[in-house]
Amino acid sequence: MFCPKCGSILLPKKEGNKKIMMCSCGYKGSAAEKTRITESVTKKSRDVEVIDREKPSILPKTKAECEKCGNKEAFYWTLQTRAGDEPETKFLKCVKCGHTWRDYD
């Protein structure tokens, strides 16, 4: 319900023992006994995207030691897996054996 004077949303307010719909501009509406305010929040979540190709040659390489085979070179990419005010997660994939891991540094 919106105010007919200013167009703002009407909010329920107690006046004595009655609930009425009232606007910040001073307009007072009808009884709010049957009025119901609801809000629904839709959260979009994404799965973590892992690059799983035979030869991910399109990705840049970096010096990082694979904990599985000991190779010292890996492909890497970043992905925002947490809240926007936190840093991205860096994923690494060994050039030699294909082992994938996360780097939180």
PDB file of N, CA and C in Angstrom:
ATOM      1  N   MET A   1       0.844  -1.173   0.000  1.00  0.00           N
ATOM      2  CA  MET A   1       0.000   0.000   0.000  1.00  0.00           C
ATOM      3  C   MET A   1       0.893   1.240   0.000  1.00  0.00           C
ATOM      4  N   PHE A   2       0.500   2.206  -0.832  1.00  0.00           N
ATOM      5  CA  PHE A   2       1.286   3.421  -0.973  1.00  0.00           C
ATOM      6  C   PHE A   2       0.452   4.644  -0.620  1.00  0.00           C
ATOM      7  N   CYS A   3       1.122   5.684  -0.164  1.00  0.00           N
ATOM      8  CA  CYS A   3       0.481   6.922   0.243  1.00  0.00           C
ATOM      9  C   CYS A   3      -0.110   7.627  -0.996  1.00  0.00           C
ATOM     10  N   PRO A   4      -1.403   8.036  -0.921  1.00  0.00           N
ATOM     11  CA  PRO A   4      -1.997   8.743  -2.053  1.00  0.00           C
ATOM     12  C   PRO A   4      -1.467  10.179  -2.186  1.00  0.00           C
ATOM     13  N   LYS A   5      -0.874  10.722  -1.119  1.00  0.00           N
ATOM     14  CA  LYS A   5      -0.341  12.091  -1.155  1.00  0.00           C
ATOM     15  C   LYS A   5       1.050  12.154  -1.790  1.00  0.00           C
ATOM     16  N   CYS A   6       1.991  11.345  -1.252  1.00  0.00           N
ATOM     17  CA  CYS A   6       3.390  11.465  -1.681  1.00  0.00           C
ATOM     18  C   CYS A   6       3.920  10.234  -2.411  1.00  0.00           C
ATOM     19  N   GLY A   7       3.234   9.110  -2.358  1.00  0.00           N
ATOM     20  CA  GLY A   7       3.655   7.908  -3.060  1.00  0.00           C
ATOM     21  C   GLY A   7       4.581   7.001  -2.264  1.00  0.00           C
ATOM     22  N   SER A   8       4.915   7.367  -1.031  1.00  0.00           N
ATOM     23  CA  SER A   8       5.776   6.518  -0.207  1.00  0.00           C
ATOM     24  C   SER A   8       4.988   5.309   0.289  1.00  0.00           C
ATOM     25  N   ILE A   9       5.716   4.301   0.747  1.00  0.00           N
ATOM     26  CA  ILE A   9       5.058   3.113   1.269  1.00  0.00           C
ATOM     27  C   ILE A   9       4.451   3.412   2.638  1.00  0.00           C
ATOM     28  N   LEU A  10       3.255   2.900   2.878  1.00  0.00           N
ATOM     29  CA  LEU A  10       2.588   3.073   4.169  1.00  0.00           C
ATOM     30  C   LEU A  10       3.069   1.986   5.114  1.00  0.00           C
ATOM     31  N   LEU A  11       3.344   2.363   6.347  1.00  0.00           N
ATOM     32  CA  LEU A  11       3.819   1.428   7.354  1.00  0.00           C
ATOM     33  C   LEU A  11       2.811   1.312   8.485  1.00  0.00           C
ATOM     34  N   PRO A  12       2.671   0.124   9.065  1.00  0.00           N
ATOM     35  CA  PRO A  12       1.743  -0.035  10.183  1.00  0.00           C
ATOM     36  C   PRO A  12       2.269   0.671  11.425  1.00  0.00           C
ATOM     37  N   LYS A  13       1.342   1.315  12.153  1.00  0.00           N
ATOM     38  CA  LYS A  13       1.720   2.022  13.372  1.00  0.00           C
ATOM     39  C   LYS A  13       0.563   1.889  14.358  1.00  0.00           C
ATOM     40  N   LYS A  14       0.913   1.764  15.638  1.00  0.00           N
ATOM     41  CA  LYS A  14      -0.120   1.682  16.669  1.00  0.00           C
ATOM     42  C   LYS A  14      -0.536   3.075  17.094  1.00  0.00           C
ATOM     43  N   GLU A  15      -1.818   3.283  17.134  1.00  0.00           N
ATOM     44  CA  GLU A  15      -2.377   4.535  17.629  1.00  0.00           C
ATOM     45  C   GLU A  15      -3.446   4.147  18.640  1.00  0.00           C
ATOM     46  N   GLY A  16      -3.080   4.263  19.901  1.00  0.00           N
ATOM     47  CA  GLY A  16      -3.970   3.780  20.954  1.00  0.00           C
ATOM     48  C   GLY A  16      -3.932   2.262  20.958  1.00  0.00           C
ATOM     49  N   ASN A  17      -5.110   1.647  20.827  1.00  0.00           N
ATOM     50  CA  ASN A  17      -5.153   0.183  20.761  1.00  0.00           C
ATOM     51  C   ASN A  17      -5.463  -0.311  19.344  1.00  0.00           C
ATOM     52  N   LYS A  18      -5.407   0.593  18.360  1.00  0.00           N
ATOM     53  CA  LYS A  18      -5.657   0.240  16.965  1.00  0.00           C
ATOM     54  C   LYS A  18      -4.371   0.322  16.158  1.00  0.00           C
ATOM     55  N   LYS A  19      -4.303  -0.494  15.126  1.00  0.00           N
ATOM     56  CA  LYS A  19      -3.197  -0.404  14.178  1.00  0.00           C
ATOM     57  C   LYS A  19      -3.717   0.294  12.938  1.00  0.00           C
ATOM     58  N   ILE A  20      -2.969   1.310  12.495  1.00  0.00           N
ATOM     59  CA  ILE A  20      -3.341   2.028  11.275  1.00  0.00           C
ATOM     60  C   ILE A  20      -2.153   2.048  10.329  1.00  0.00           C
ATOM     61  N   MET A  21      -2.426   2.376   9.075  1.00  0.00           N
ATOM     62  CA  MET A  21      -1.357   2.531   8.093  1.00  0.00           C
ATOM     63  C   MET A  21      -1.022   4.015   8.035  1.00  0.00           C
ATOM     64  N   MET A  22       0.269   4.342   8.202  1.00  0.00           N
ATOM     65  CA  MET A  22       0.668   5.731   8.276  1.00  0.00           C
ATOM     66  C   MET A  22       1.887   5.987   7.397  1.00  0.00           C
ATOM     67  N   CYS A  23       1.959   7.211   6.866  1.00  0.00           N
ATOM     68  CA  CYS A  23       3.073   7.618   6.018  1.00  0.00           C
ATOM     69  C   CYS A  23       3.935   8.630   6.764  1.00  0.00           C
ATOM     70  N   SER A  24       5.171   8.782   6.341  1.00  0.00           N
ATOM     71  CA  SER A  24       6.068   9.751   6.972  1.00  0.00           C
ATOM     72  C   SER A  24       5.637  11.191   6.696  1.00  0.00           C
ATOM     73  N   CYS A  25       4.782  11.414   5.675  1.00  0.00           N
ATOM     74  CA  CYS A  25       4.318  12.764   5.380  1.00  0.00           C
ATOM     75  C   CYS A  25       3.145  13.176   6.278  1.00  0.00           C
ATOM     76  N   GLY A  26       2.633  12.217   7.078  1.00  0.00           N
ATOM     77  CA  GLY A  26       1.549  12.526   7.993  1.00  0.00           C
ATOM     78  C   GLY A  26       0.214  11.907   7.614  1.00  0.00           C
ATOM     79  N   TYR A  27       0.090  11.356   6.429  1.00  0.00           N
ATOM     80  CA  TYR A  27      -1.160  10.730   5.990  1.00  0.00           C
ATOM     81  C   TYR A  27      -1.457   9.508   6.852  1.00  0.00           C
ATOM     82  N   LYS A  28      -2.731   9.364   7.268  1.00  0.00           N
ATOM     83  CA  LYS A  28      -3.172   8.202   8.039  1.00  0.00           C
ATOM     84  C   LYS A  28      -4.205   7.453   7.212  1.00  0.00           C
ATOM     85  N   GLY A  29      -3.955   6.173   7.029  1.00  0.00           N
ATOM     86  CA  GLY A  29      -4.834   5.344   6.218  1.00  0.00           C
ATOM     87  C   GLY A  29      -5.758   4.503   7.072  1.00  0.00           C
ATOM     88  N   SER A  30      -6.345   3.499   6.449  1.00  0.00           N
ATOM     89  CA  SER A  30      -7.311   2.623   7.109  1.00  0.00           C
ATOM     90  C   SER A  30      -6.629   1.697   8.110  1.00  0.00           C
ATOM     91  N   ALA A  31      -7.440   0.898   8.767  1.00  0.00           N
ATOM     92  CA  ALA A  31      -6.946  -0.040   9.779  1.00  0.00           C
ATOM     93  C   ALA A  31      -5.986  -1.040   9.154  1.00  0.00           C
ATOM     94  N   ALA A  32      -4.970  -1.391   9.901  1.00  0.00           N
ATOM     95  CA  ALA A  32      -3.927  -2.289   9.398  1.00  0.00           C
ATOM     96  C   ALA A  32      -4.075  -3.702   9.932  1.00  0.00           C
ATOM     97  N   GLU A  33      -5.222  -4.054  10.481  1.00  0.00           N
ATOM     98  CA  GLU A  33      -5.406  -5.379  11.074  1.00  0.00           C
ATOM     99  C   GLU A  33      -5.233  -6.498  10.040  1.00  0.00           C
ATOM    100  N   LYS A  34      -5.709  -6.279   8.830  1.00  0.00           N
ATOM    101  CA  LYS A  34      -5.645  -7.314   7.800  1.00  0.00           C
ATOM    102  C   LYS A  34      -4.421  -7.158   6.895  1.00  0.00           C
ATOM    103  N   THR A  35      -3.633  -6.136   7.131  1.00  0.00           N
ATOM    104  CA  THR A  35      -2.468  -5.883   6.292  1.00  0.00           C
ATOM    105  C   THR A  35      -1.303  -6.753   6.745  1.00  0.00           C
ATOM    106  N   ARG A  36      -0.584  -7.275   5.769  1.00  0.00           N
ATOM    107  CA  ARG A  36       0.555  -8.132   6.085  1.00  0.00           C
ATOM    108  C   ARG A  36       1.729  -7.717   5.206  1.00  0.00           C
ATOM    109  N   ILE A  37       2.883  -7.456   5.826  1.00  0.00           N
ATOM    110  CA  ILE A  37       4.079  -7.065   5.098  1.00  0.00           C
ATOM    111  C   ILE A  37       4.999  -8.280   5.047  1.00  0.00           C
ATOM    112  N   THR A  38       5.404  -8.654   3.835  1.00  0.00           N
ATOM    113  CA  THR A  38       6.319  -9.789   3.675  1.00  0.00           C
ATOM    114  C   THR A  38       7.482  -9.372   2.797  1.00  0.00           C
ATOM    115  N   GLU A  39       8.580 -10.050   2.983  1.00  0.00           N
ATOM    116  CA  GLU A  39       9.772  -9.801   2.179  1.00  0.00           C
ATOM    117  C   GLU A  39      10.409 -11.143   1.874  1.00  0.00           C
ATOM    118  N   SER A  40      10.773 -11.355   0.639  1.00  0.00           N
ATOM    119  CA  SER A  40      11.469 -12.590   0.286  1.00  0.00           C
ATOM    120  C   SER A  40      12.800 -12.227  -0.364  1.00  0.00           C
ATOM    121  N   VAL A  41      13.833 -12.931   0.060  1.00  0.00           N
ATOM    122  CA  VAL A  41      15.169 -12.684  -0.449  1.00  0.00           C
ATOM    123  C   VAL A  41      15.600 -13.920  -1.232  1.00  0.00           C
ATOM    124  N   THR A  42      16.017 -13.707  -2.447  1.00  0.00           N
ATOM    125  CA  THR A  42      16.480 -14.797  -3.287  1.00  0.00           C
ATOM    126  C   THR A  42      17.992 -14.720  -3.377  1.00  0.00           C
ATOM    127  N   LYS A  43      18.639 -15.763  -2.940  1.00  0.00           N
ATOM    128  CA  LYS A  43      20.090 -15.802  -2.981  1.00  0.00           C
ATOM    129  C   LYS A  43      20.516 -16.720  -4.117  1.00  0.00           C
ATOM    130  N   LYS A  44      21.299 -16.163  -5.012  1.00  0.00           N
ATOM    131  CA  LYS A  44      21.798 -16.957  -6.128  1.00  0.00           C
ATOM    132  C   LYS A  44      23.153 -17.512  -5.745  1.00  0.00           C
ATOM    133  N   SER A  45      23.277 -18.817  -5.820  1.00  0.00           N
ATOM    134  CA  SER A  45      24.572 -19.429  -5.507  1.00  0.00           C
ATOM    135  C   SER A  45      25.093 -20.141  -6.742  1.00  0.00           C
ATOM    136  N   ARG A  46      26.399 -20.134  -6.844  1.00  0.00           N
ATOM    137  CA  ARG A  46      27.037 -20.800  -7.978  1.00  0.00           C
ATOM    138  C   ARG A  46      27.953 -21.883  -7.457  1.00  0.00           C
ATOM    139  N   ASP A  47      28.065 -22.942  -8.229  1.00  0.00           N
ATOM    140  CA  ASP A  47      29.019 -23.983  -7.893  1.00  0.00           C
ATOM    141  C   ASP A  47      30.410 -23.504  -8.270  1.00  0.00           C
ATOM    142  N   VAL A  48      31.400 -24.041  -7.587  1.00  0.00           N
ATOM    143  CA  VAL A  48      32.782 -23.707  -7.901  1.00  0.00           C
ATOM    144  C   VAL A  48      33.104 -24.310  -9.259  1.00  0.00           C
ATOM    145  N   GLU A  49      33.623 -23.483 -10.145  1.00  0.00           N
ATOM    146  CA  GLU A  49      33.975 -23.949 -11.475  1.00  0.00           C
ATOM    147  C   GLU A  49      35.420 -24.424 -11.479  1.00  0.00           C
ATOM    148  N   VAL A  50      35.612 -25.685 -11.780  1.00  0.00           N
ATOM    149  CA  VAL A  50      36.951 -26.251 -11.833  1.00  0.00           C
ATOM    150  C   VAL A  50      37.279 -26.542 -13.291  1.00  0.00           C
ATOM    151  N   ILE A  51      38.416 -26.049 -13.726  1.00  0.00           N
ATOM    152  CA  ILE A  51      38.865 -26.306 -15.089  1.00  0.00           C
ATOM    153  C   ILE A  51      39.361 -27.747 -15.146  1.00  0.00           C
ATOM    154  N   ASP A  52      38.711 -28.566 -15.915  1.00  0.00           N
ATOM    155  CA  ASP A  52      39.090 -29.970 -15.994  1.00  0.00           C
ATOM    156  C   ASP A  52      39.249 -30.358 -17.457  1.00  0.00           C
ATOM    157  N   ARG A  53      40.354 -29.940 -18.048  1.00  0.00           N
ATOM    158  CA  ARG A  53      40.635 -30.245 -19.445  1.00  0.00           C
ATOM    159  C   ARG A  53      41.937 -31.017 -19.513  1.00  0.00           C
ATOM    160  N   GLU A  54      42.097 -31.727 -20.607  1.00  0.00           N
ATOM    161  CA  GLU A  54      43.341 -32.470 -20.832  1.00  0.00           C
ATOM    162  C   GLU A  54      44.533 -31.516 -20.835  1.00  0.00           C
ATOM    163  N   LYS A  55      44.449 -30.451 -21.636  1.00  0.00           N
ATOM    164  CA  LYS A  55      45.534 -29.473 -21.751  1.00  0.00           C
ATOM    165  C   LYS A  55      44.967 -28.063 -21.607  1.00  0.00           C
ATOM    166  N   PRO A  56      44.935 -27.523 -20.400  1.00  0.00           N
ATOM    167  CA  PRO A  56      44.380 -26.170 -20.217  1.00  0.00           C
ATOM    168  C   PRO A  56      45.383 -25.094 -20.639  1.00  0.00           C
ATOM    169  N   SER A  57      45.830 -25.139 -21.889  1.00  0.00           N
ATOM    170  CA  SER A  57      46.890 -24.257 -22.368  1.00  0.00           C
ATOM    171  C   SER A  57      46.487 -22.792 -22.437  1.00  0.00           C
ATOM    172  N   ILE A  58      45.196 -22.504 -22.329  1.00  0.00           N
ATOM    173  CA  ILE A  58      44.758 -21.107 -22.370  1.00  0.00           C
ATOM    174  C   ILE A  58      45.019 -20.389 -21.049  1.00  0.00           C
ATOM    175  N   LEU A  59      45.299 -21.149 -20.004  1.00  0.00           N
ATOM    176  CA  LEU A  59      45.533 -20.565 -18.678  1.00  0.00           C
ATOM    177  C   LEU A  59      46.984 -20.147 -18.514  1.00  0.00           C
ATOM    178  N   PRO A  60      47.228 -19.096 -17.706  1.00  0.00           N
ATOM    179  CA  PRO A  60      48.617 -18.698 -17.433  1.00  0.00           C
ATOM    180  C   PRO A  60      49.301 -19.702 -16.503  1.00  0.00           C
ATOM    181  N   LYS A  61      50.625 -19.693 -16.540  1.00  0.00           N
ATOM    182  CA  LYS A  61      51.415 -20.593 -15.684  1.00  0.00           C
ATOM    183  C   LYS A  61      52.128 -19.784 -14.602  1.00  0.00           C
ATOM    184  N   THR A  62      52.412 -20.459 -13.494  1.00  0.00           N
ATOM    185  CA  THR A  62      53.147 -19.842 -12.400  1.00  0.00           C
ATOM    186  C   THR A  62      54.070 -20.879 -11.772  1.00  0.00           C
ATOM    187  N   LYS A  63      55.010 -20.399 -10.962  1.00  0.00           N
ATOM    188  CA  LYS A  63      55.895 -21.304 -10.229  1.00  0.00           C
ATOM    189  C   LYS A  63      55.215 -21.684  -8.931  1.00  0.00           C
ATOM    190  N   ALA A  64      54.859 -22.955  -8.813  1.00  0.00           N
ATOM    191  CA  ALA A  64      54.227 -23.484  -7.601  1.00  0.00           C
ATOM    192  C   ALA A  64      54.524 -24.969  -7.544  1.00  0.00           C
ATOM    193  N   GLU A  65      54.858 -25.450  -6.363  1.00  0.00           N
ATOM    194  CA  GLU A  65      55.209 -26.863  -6.230  1.00  0.00           C
ATOM    195  C   GLU A  65      53.973 -27.713  -6.000  1.00  0.00           C
ATOM    196  N   CYS A  66      53.826 -28.732  -6.827  1.00  0.00           N
ATOM    197  CA  CYS A  66      52.707 -29.675  -6.703  1.00  0.00           C
ATOM    198  C   CYS A  66      52.968 -30.574  -5.504  1.00  0.00           C
ATOM    199  N   GLU A  67      51.993 -30.664  -4.620  1.00  0.00           N
ATOM    200  CA  GLU A  67      52.150 -31.490  -3.421  1.00  0.00           C
ATOM    201  C   GLU A  67      52.040 -32.978  -3.734  1.00  0.00           C
ATOM    202  N   LYS A  68      51.584 -33.319  -4.942  1.00  0.00           N
ATOM    203  CA  LYS A  68      51.409 -34.717  -5.315  1.00  0.00           C
ATOM    204  C   LYS A  68      52.662 -35.291  -6.010  1.00  0.00           C
ATOM    205  N   CYS A  69      53.175 -34.560  -7.031  1.00  0.00           N
ATOM    206  CA  CYS A  69      54.307 -35.100  -7.808  1.00  0.00           C
ATOM    207  C   CYS A  69      55.595 -34.299  -7.650  1.00  0.00           C
ATOM    208  N   GLY A  70      55.538 -33.122  -7.040  1.00  0.00           N
ATOM    209  CA  GLY A  70      56.734 -32.322  -6.819  1.00  0.00           C
ATOM    210  C   GLY A  70      57.111 -31.414  -7.977  1.00  0.00           C
ATOM    211  N   ASN A  71      56.350 -31.421  -9.055  1.00  0.00           N
ATOM    212  CA  ASN A  71      56.621 -30.549 -10.200  1.00  0.00           C
ATOM    213  C   ASN A  71      56.538 -29.088  -9.740  1.00  0.00           C
ATOM    214  N   LYS A  72      57.305 -28.212 -10.359  1.00  0.00           N
ATOM    215  CA  LYS A  72      57.389 -26.832  -9.880  1.00  0.00           C
ATOM    216  C   LYS A  72      56.675 -25.828 -10.783  1.00  0.00           C
ATOM    217  N   GLU A  73      55.740 -26.280 -11.628  1.00  0.00           N
ATOM    218  CA  GLU A  73      55.016 -25.373 -12.512  1.00  0.00           C
ATOM    219  C   GLU A  73      53.543 -25.774 -12.541  1.00  0.00           C
ATOM    220  N   ALA A  74      52.662 -24.754 -12.504  1.00  0.00           N
ATOM    221  CA  ALA A  74      51.220 -25.035 -12.480  1.00  0.00           C
ATOM    222  C   ALA A  74      50.455 -23.960 -13.241  1.00  0.00           C
ATOM    223  N   PHE A  75      49.331 -24.372 -13.807  1.00  0.00           N
ATOM    224  CA  PHE A  75      48.391 -23.414 -14.381  1.00  0.00           C
ATOM    225  C   PHE A  75      47.632 -22.800 -13.211  1.00  0.00           C
ATOM    226  N   TYR A  76      47.114 -21.573 -13.364  1.00  0.00           N
ATOM    227  CA  TYR A  76      46.324 -20.984 -12.283  1.00  0.00           C
ATOM    228  C   TYR A  76      45.175 -20.153 -12.827  1.00  0.00           C
ATOM    229  N   TRP A  77      44.141 -19.989 -11.987  1.00  0.00           N
ATOM    230  CA  TRP A  77      43.007 -19.116 -12.261  1.00  0.00           C
ATOM    231  C   TRP A  77      42.411 -18.709 -10.926  1.00  0.00           C
ATOM    232  N   THR A  78      41.664 -17.631 -10.911  1.00  0.00           N
ATOM    233  CA  THR A  78      41.047 -17.147  -9.677  1.00  0.00           C
ATOM    234  C   THR A  78      39.532 -17.152  -9.821  1.00  0.00           C
ATOM    235  N   LEU A  79      38.848 -17.266  -8.680  1.00  0.00           N
ATOM    236  CA  LEU A  79      37.390 -17.296  -8.648  1.00  0.00           C
ATOM    237  C   LEU A  79      36.914 -16.707  -7.327  1.00  0.00           C
ATOM    238  N   GLN A  80      35.874 -15.896  -7.379  1.00  0.00           N
ATOM    239  CA  GLN A  80      35.299 -15.315  -6.165  1.00  0.00           C
ATOM    240  C   GLN A  80      34.384 -16.354  -5.527  1.00  0.00           C
ATOM    241  N   THR A  81      34.868 -17.040  -4.485  1.00  0.00           N
ATOM    242  CA  THR A  81      34.099 -18.111  -3.846  1.00  0.00           C
ATOM    243  C   THR A  81      33.480 -17.679  -2.521  1.00  0.00           C
ATOM    244  N   ARG A  82      33.901 -16.535  -2.008  1.00  0.00           N
ATOM    245  CA  ARG A  82      33.385 -16.044  -0.724  1.00  0.00           C
ATOM    246  C   ARG A  82      32.706 -14.706  -0.949  1.00  0.00           C
ATOM    247  N   ALA A  83      32.443 -13.972   0.105  1.00  0.00           N
ATOM    248  CA  ALA A  83      31.776 -12.672   0.006  1.00  0.00           C
ATOM    249  C   ALA A  83      32.614 -11.700  -0.821  1.00  0.00           C
ATOM    250  N   GLY A  84      31.974 -10.690  -1.367  1.00  0.00           N
ATOM    251  CA  GLY A  84      32.644  -9.731  -2.235  1.00  0.00           C
ATOM    252  C   GLY A  84      33.720  -8.916  -1.560  1.00  0.00           C
ATOM    253  N   ASP A  85      33.659  -8.788  -0.228  1.00  0.00           N
ATOM    254  CA  ASP A  85      34.670  -8.006   0.469  1.00  0.00           C
ATOM    255  C   ASP A  85      35.875  -8.855   0.895  1.00  0.00           C
ATOM    256  N   GLU A  86      35.887 -10.123   0.502  1.00  0.00           N
ATOM    257  CA  GLU A  86      37.005 -11.006   0.799  1.00  0.00           C
ATOM    258  C   GLU A  86      37.759 -11.309  -0.490  1.00  0.00           C
ATOM    259  N   PRO A  87      39.038 -11.690  -0.382  1.00  0.00           N
ATOM    260  CA  PRO A  87      39.833 -11.924  -1.590  1.00  0.00           C
ATOM    261  C   PRO A  87      39.367 -13.148  -2.381  1.00  0.00           C
ATOM    262  N   GLU A  88      39.757 -13.172  -3.658  1.00  0.00           N
ATOM    263  CA  GLU A  88      39.428 -14.300  -4.520  1.00  0.00           C
ATOM    264  C   GLU A  88      40.226 -15.528  -4.090  1.00  0.00           C
ATOM    265  N   THR A  89      39.744 -16.709  -4.487  1.00  0.00           N
ATOM    266  CA  THR A  89      40.471 -17.944  -4.239  1.00  0.00           C
ATOM    267  C   THR A  89      41.272 -18.274  -5.485  1.00  0.00           C
ATOM    268  N   LYS A  90      42.530 -18.609  -5.296  1.00  0.00           N
ATOM    269  CA  LYS A  90      43.405 -18.953  -6.412  1.00  0.00           C
ATOM    270  C   LYS A  90      43.464 -20.477  -6.533  1.00  0.00           C
ATOM    271  N   PHE A  91      43.138 -20.976  -7.724  1.00  0.00           N
ATOM    272  CA  PHE A  91      43.201 -22.404  -7.990  1.00  0.00           C
ATOM    273  C   PHE A  91      44.453 -22.685  -8.820  1.00  0.00           C
ATOM    274  N   LEU A  92      45.101 -23.800  -8.542  1.00  0.00           N
ATOM    275  CA  LEU A  92      46.295 -24.210  -9.272  1.00  0.00           C
ATOM    276  C   LEU A  92      46.096 -25.627  -9.796  1.00  0.00           C
ATOM    277  N   LYS A  93      46.648 -25.887 -10.986  1.00  0.00           N
ATOM    278  CA  LYS A  93      46.573 -27.221 -11.574  1.00  0.00           C
ATOM    279  C   LYS A  93      47.949 -27.568 -12.108  1.00  0.00           C
ATOM    280  N   CYS A  94      48.519 -28.650 -11.612  1.00  0.00           N
ATOM    281  CA  CYS A  94      49.870 -29.071 -11.984  1.00  0.00           C
ATOM    282  C   CYS A  94      49.951 -29.319 -13.492  1.00  0.00           C
ATOM    283  N   VAL A  95      51.000 -28.789 -14.097  1.00  0.00           N
ATOM    284  CA  VAL A  95      51.220 -28.953 -15.534  1.00  0.00           C
ATOM    285  C   VAL A  95      51.521 -30.420 -15.862  1.00  0.00           C
ATOM    286  N   LYS A  96      52.210 -31.111 -14.953  1.00  0.00           N
ATOM    287  CA  LYS A  96      52.652 -32.487 -15.207  1.00  0.00           C
ATOM    288  C   LYS A  96      51.573 -33.537 -14.922  1.00  0.00           C
ATOM    289  N   CYS A  97      51.038 -33.562 -13.692  1.00  0.00           N
ATOM    290  CA  CYS A  97      50.113 -34.641 -13.309  1.00  0.00           C
ATOM    291  C   CYS A  97      48.640 -34.230 -13.316  1.00  0.00           C
ATOM    292  N   GLY A  98      48.335 -32.915 -13.386  1.00  0.00           N
ATOM    293  CA  GLY A  98      46.945 -32.469 -13.433  1.00  0.00           C
ATOM    294  C   GLY A  98      46.277 -32.323 -12.075  1.00  0.00           C
ATOM    295  N   HIS A  99      47.033 -32.510 -10.991  1.00  0.00           N
ATOM    296  CA  HIS A  99      46.477 -32.352  -9.637  1.00  0.00           C
ATOM    297  C   HIS A  99      46.031 -30.898  -9.441  1.00  0.00           C
ATOM    298  N   THR A 100      44.824 -30.706  -8.891  1.00  0.00           N
ATOM    299  CA  THR A 100      44.271 -29.363  -8.665  1.00  0.00           C
ATOM    300  C   THR A 100      44.180 -29.082  -7.185  1.00  0.00           C
ATOM    301  N   TRP A 101      44.573 -27.859  -6.760  1.00  0.00           N
ATOM    302  CA  TRP A 101      44.478 -27.450  -5.363  1.00  0.00           C
ATOM    303  C   TRP A 101      44.230 -25.950  -5.285  1.00  0.00           C
ATOM    304  N   ARG A 102      43.890 -25.503  -4.080  1.00  0.00           N
ATOM    305  CA  ARG A 102      43.611 -24.092  -3.815  1.00  0.00           C
ATOM    306  C   ARG A 102      44.800 -23.455  -3.103  1.00  0.00           C
ATOM    307  N   ASP A 103      45.022 -22.179  -3.388  1.00  0.00           N
ATOM    308  CA  ASP A 103      46.077 -21.414  -2.733  1.00  0.00           C
ATOM    309  C   ASP A 103      45.405 -20.236  -2.043  1.00  0.00           C
ATOM    310  N   TYR A 104      45.480 -20.150  -0.727  1.00  0.00           N
ATOM    311  CA  TYR A 104      44.797 -19.109   0.039  1.00  0.00           C
ATOM    312  C   TYR A 104      45.713 -17.938   0.402  1.00  0.00           C
ATOM    313  N   ASP A 105      46.905 -17.835  -0.168  1.00  0.00           N
ATOM    314  CA  ASP A 105      47.831 -16.743   0.167  1.00  0.00           C
ATOM    315  C   ASP A 105      47.403 -15.448  -0.452  1.00  0.00           C
TER     316      ASP A 105
END
